[in-house]
Protein backbone atom coordinates (compact mmCIF):
# COMPACT_ATOMS: atom_id res chain seq x y z
CA THR A 1 71.76 100.24 100.03
CA GLU A 2 72.08 96.65 101.07
CA GLU A 3 74.14 95.80 104.12
CA GLY A 4 77.82 95.96 103.22
CA SER A 5 77.27 97.92 100.01
CA VAL A 6 78.19 101.54 99.39
CA ASP A 7 76.09 104.39 98.02
CA VAL A 8 78.52 105.56 95.34
CA ASP A 9 76.71 108.84 94.64
CA ALA A 10 76.58 109.83 98.31
CA THR A 11 80.19 108.81 98.92
CA THR A 12 81.38 110.76 95.87
CA GLN A 13 79.47 113.83 97.07
CA LEU A 14 81.00 113.56 100.55
CA LEU A 15 84.50 113.34 99.08
CA THR A 16 83.84 116.26 96.75
CA ASP A 17 82.54 118.35 99.66
CA VAL A 18 85.72 117.69 101.66
CA VAL A 19 88.01 118.56 98.75
CA GLU A 20 85.98 121.70 98.05
CA ARG A 21 86.37 122.78 101.68
CA TRP A 22 90.14 122.24 101.51
CA VAL A 23 90.40 124.23 98.28
CA ARG A 24 88.36 127.10 99.73
CA GLU A 25 90.57 127.14 102.84
CA ASP A 26 93.79 127.50 100.81
CA PRO A 27 93.12 127.89 97.07
CA GLY A 28 96.75 128.69 96.26
CA GLN A 29 97.69 125.10 97.06
CA TRP A 30 95.41 123.50 94.47
CA MET A 31 95.56 123.10 90.73
CA TRP A 32 93.99 120.42 88.52
CA PHE A 33 96.25 119.02 85.82
CA HIS A 34 93.48 117.18 84.02
CA LYS A 35 89.77 117.34 83.40
CA ARG A 36 88.62 115.54 86.50
CA TRP A 37 85.45 113.82 85.34
CA GLU A 38 85.63 114.01 81.56
CA ILE A 39 86.11 110.79 79.62
CA SER A 40 87.31 110.56 76.06
CA GLY A 41 84.90 110.02 73.19
CA ARG A 42 86.37 106.57 72.57
CA ARG A 43 85.89 105.51 76.22
CA ARG A 44 82.36 106.93 76.23
CA LYS A 45 81.48 104.94 73.10
CA ARG A 46 82.89 101.74 74.64
CA ARG A 47 80.83 102.26 77.78
CA GLN A 48 77.69 102.95 75.75
CA ALA A 49 78.27 99.85 73.60
CA LYS A 50 78.83 97.69 76.69
CA ALA A 51 75.69 99.07 78.36
CA ALA A 52 73.64 98.36 75.23
CA ALA A 53 75.06 94.82 74.99
CA ASP A 54 74.24 94.16 78.66
CA GLN A 55 70.55 94.96 78.14
């Protein structure tokens, strides 16, 4: 990455690794109330349309 920028994939993986470790240490304290990474069909279509328009 350029100076001052962030590697989003690497940062997301680091965060996920930390949360996974916490959950494994005490799984009774964790429960997801939503689908963490899923986006709705409507949002997905908007993103796809925007990406196509940007090309």
